[in-house]
N, C-alpha and C. Protein backbone atom coordinates (compact mmCIF):
# COMPACT_ATOMS: atom_id res chain seq x y z
N MET A 1 -4.84 -4.65 -21.35
CA MET A 1 -5.19 -5.62 -20.33
C MET A 1 -5.24 -4.93 -18.97
N GLN A 2 -6.24 -5.26 -18.22
CA GLN A 2 -6.43 -4.64 -16.90
C GLN A 2 -6.15 -5.66 -15.80
N PRO A 3 -5.31 -5.31 -14.83
CA PRO A 3 -5.02 -6.25 -13.75
C PRO A 3 -6.24 -6.46 -12.84
N THR A 4 -6.24 -7.58 -12.17
CA THR A 4 -7.31 -7.92 -11.24
C THR A 4 -7.06 -7.24 -9.90
N LEU A 5 -8.09 -6.60 -9.35
CA LEU A 5 -8.02 -6.06 -8.00
C LEU A 5 -8.63 -7.08 -7.05
N TYR A 6 -7.88 -7.49 -6.07
CA TYR A 6 -8.37 -8.47 -5.11
C TYR A 6 -9.09 -7.76 -3.98
N SER A 7 -10.07 -8.44 -3.43
CA SER A 7 -10.80 -7.93 -2.26
C SER A 7 -10.28 -8.63 -1.02
N TYR A 8 -10.30 -7.93 0.09
CA TYR A 8 -9.82 -8.48 1.36
C TYR A 8 -10.91 -8.31 2.41
N THR A 9 -11.04 -9.29 3.29
CA THR A 9 -12.04 -9.21 4.35
C THR A 9 -11.65 -8.11 5.33
N ALA A 10 -12.62 -7.67 6.09
CA ALA A 10 -12.37 -6.63 7.11
C ALA A 10 -11.34 -7.12 8.12
N ALA A 11 -11.42 -8.39 8.52
CA ALA A 11 -10.47 -8.95 9.49
C ALA A 11 -9.05 -8.94 8.93
N PHE A 12 -8.91 -9.29 7.66
CA PHE A 12 -7.60 -9.30 7.02
C PHE A 12 -7.04 -7.88 6.93
N GLN A 13 -7.88 -6.93 6.56
CA GLN A 13 -7.46 -5.53 6.48
C GLN A 13 -7.06 -4.99 7.85
N GLU A 14 -7.79 -5.38 8.88
CA GLU A 14 -7.45 -4.94 10.25
C GLU A 14 -6.09 -5.47 10.66
N LYS A 15 -5.82 -6.75 10.37
CA LYS A 15 -4.52 -7.33 10.71
C LYS A 15 -3.41 -6.59 9.97
N ALA A 16 -3.62 -6.31 8.69
CA ALA A 16 -2.62 -5.57 7.92
C ALA A 16 -2.39 -4.18 8.51
N ALA A 17 -3.46 -3.51 8.90
CA ALA A 17 -3.34 -2.17 9.50
C ALA A 17 -2.55 -2.22 10.80
N GLN A 18 -2.79 -3.25 11.61
CA GLN A 18 -2.04 -3.39 12.86
C GLN A 18 -0.55 -3.59 12.58
N GLU A 19 -0.25 -4.43 11.60
CA GLU A 19 1.15 -4.68 11.27
C GLU A 19 1.81 -3.43 10.70
N LEU A 20 1.10 -2.72 9.82
CA LEU A 20 1.66 -1.49 9.26
C LEU A 20 1.87 -0.42 10.32
N GLY A 21 0.99 -0.43 11.33
CA GLY A 21 1.11 0.53 12.42
C GLY A 21 2.38 0.37 13.23
N CYS A 22 3.00 -0.80 13.14
CA CYS A 22 4.25 -1.07 13.87
C CYS A 22 5.48 -0.59 13.12
N LEU A 23 5.30 -0.22 11.85
CA LEU A 23 6.43 0.22 11.04
C LEU A 23 6.74 1.70 11.29
N PRO A 24 7.99 2.07 11.10
CA PRO A 24 8.30 3.50 11.11
C PRO A 24 7.66 4.16 9.89
N PRO A 25 7.69 5.49 9.82
CA PRO A 25 7.09 6.17 8.68
C PRO A 25 7.74 5.74 7.36
N PRO A 26 7.00 5.84 6.25
CA PRO A 26 7.57 5.46 4.96
C PRO A 26 8.79 6.31 4.61
N CYS A 27 9.72 5.70 3.88
CA CYS A 27 10.89 6.43 3.38
C CYS A 27 10.48 7.26 2.17
N ARG A 28 11.27 8.27 1.88
CA ARG A 28 11.12 8.92 0.58
C ARG A 28 11.60 7.91 -0.45
N ARG A 29 10.97 7.90 -1.60
CA ARG A 29 11.28 6.91 -2.62
C ARG A 29 12.78 6.87 -2.93
N ASN A 30 13.33 5.68 -2.87
CA ASN A 30 14.74 5.40 -3.19
C ASN A 30 15.74 6.03 -2.22
N VAL A 31 15.29 6.39 -1.03
CA VAL A 31 16.19 6.90 0.00
C VAL A 31 16.26 5.86 1.10
N VAL A 32 17.45 5.36 1.38
CA VAL A 32 17.64 4.33 2.40
C VAL A 32 18.06 5.00 3.69
N SER A 33 17.32 4.69 4.76
CA SER A 33 17.61 5.27 6.06
C SER A 33 17.14 4.31 7.14
N GLU A 34 17.76 4.33 8.28
CA GLU A 34 17.39 3.46 9.40
C GLU A 34 16.09 3.90 10.07
N ASP A 35 15.69 5.16 9.89
CA ASP A 35 14.51 5.67 10.61
C ASP A 35 13.25 5.74 9.75
N CYS A 36 13.23 4.97 8.65
CA CYS A 36 12.03 4.93 7.82
C CYS A 36 11.81 3.52 7.28
N SER A 37 10.65 3.30 6.68
CA SER A 37 10.26 1.97 6.21
C SER A 37 10.13 1.94 4.69
N ALA A 38 10.97 1.14 4.04
CA ALA A 38 10.84 0.93 2.60
C ALA A 38 9.53 0.19 2.30
N VAL A 39 9.15 -0.74 3.16
CA VAL A 39 7.90 -1.47 2.98
C VAL A 39 6.72 -0.50 3.02
N GLY A 40 6.77 0.47 3.91
CA GLY A 40 5.72 1.47 3.99
C GLY A 40 5.59 2.25 2.69
N THR A 41 6.72 2.54 2.06
CA THR A 41 6.71 3.22 0.77
C THR A 41 6.08 2.34 -0.30
N PHE A 42 6.43 1.05 -0.31
CA PHE A 42 5.82 0.12 -1.26
C PHE A 42 4.30 0.09 -1.09
N VAL A 43 3.84 0.06 0.15
CA VAL A 43 2.40 0.00 0.43
C VAL A 43 1.71 1.26 -0.08
N GLU A 44 2.30 2.41 0.16
CA GLU A 44 1.72 3.66 -0.34
C GLU A 44 1.64 3.66 -1.86
N ASP A 45 2.72 3.20 -2.52
CA ASP A 45 2.72 3.15 -3.97
C ASP A 45 1.65 2.19 -4.49
N TYR A 46 1.50 1.06 -3.83
CA TYR A 46 0.49 0.08 -4.21
C TYR A 46 -0.91 0.69 -4.09
N GLY A 47 -1.13 1.45 -3.04
CA GLY A 47 -2.42 2.12 -2.86
C GLY A 47 -2.70 3.09 -4.00
N SER A 48 -1.69 3.79 -4.44
CA SER A 48 -1.85 4.72 -5.55
C SER A 48 -2.21 3.98 -6.84
N VAL A 49 -1.56 2.86 -7.08
CA VAL A 49 -1.84 2.08 -8.28
C VAL A 49 -3.27 1.54 -8.22
N ARG A 50 -3.71 1.05 -7.07
CA ARG A 50 -5.08 0.56 -6.93
C ARG A 50 -6.08 1.67 -7.22
N ALA A 51 -5.82 2.87 -6.74
CA ALA A 51 -6.73 4.00 -6.99
C ALA A 51 -6.80 4.32 -8.48
N GLU A 52 -5.66 4.25 -9.17
CA GLU A 52 -5.66 4.51 -10.60
C GLU A 52 -6.45 3.44 -11.35
N ILE A 53 -6.31 2.18 -10.94
CA ILE A 53 -7.05 1.09 -11.59
C ILE A 53 -8.56 1.27 -11.35
N ARG A 54 -8.94 1.65 -10.14
CA ARG A 54 -10.35 1.88 -9.85
C ARG A 54 -10.91 2.98 -10.76
N ALA A 55 -10.11 4.03 -10.96
CA ALA A 55 -10.56 5.14 -11.82
C ALA A 55 -10.78 4.65 -13.26
N ILE A 56 -9.93 3.75 -13.71
CA ILE A 56 -10.10 3.18 -15.06
C ILE A 56 -11.36 2.33 -15.10
N GLU A 57 -11.61 1.54 -14.06
CA GLU A 57 -12.79 0.69 -14.01
C GLU A 57 -14.08 1.51 -14.02
N ASP A 58 -14.04 2.69 -13.42
CA ASP A 58 -15.24 3.53 -13.30
C ASP A 58 -15.57 4.27 -14.59
N ARG A 59 -14.72 4.20 -15.58
CA ARG A 59 -14.99 4.89 -16.85
C ARG A 59 -16.09 4.23 -17.62
C-alpha cells in the first residue's frame, strides 16, 4: 500500500517556510538540547520520506 502525498498551495508553503524560518536549527536525531529544534528534525525526516515515496511513484 502506498500512502497519499498531499499537495499544498504556494501560499500555504510560503507560510510554512516563514514559520520554519523562526525555528532554531534542527536537532540531531534523538538529541535533546535547548539550542535546536526537534520539530525541525521531524520536518527534515518528513521531507526524506516524501522524496522516497516520489521515487516509488516514478517507477
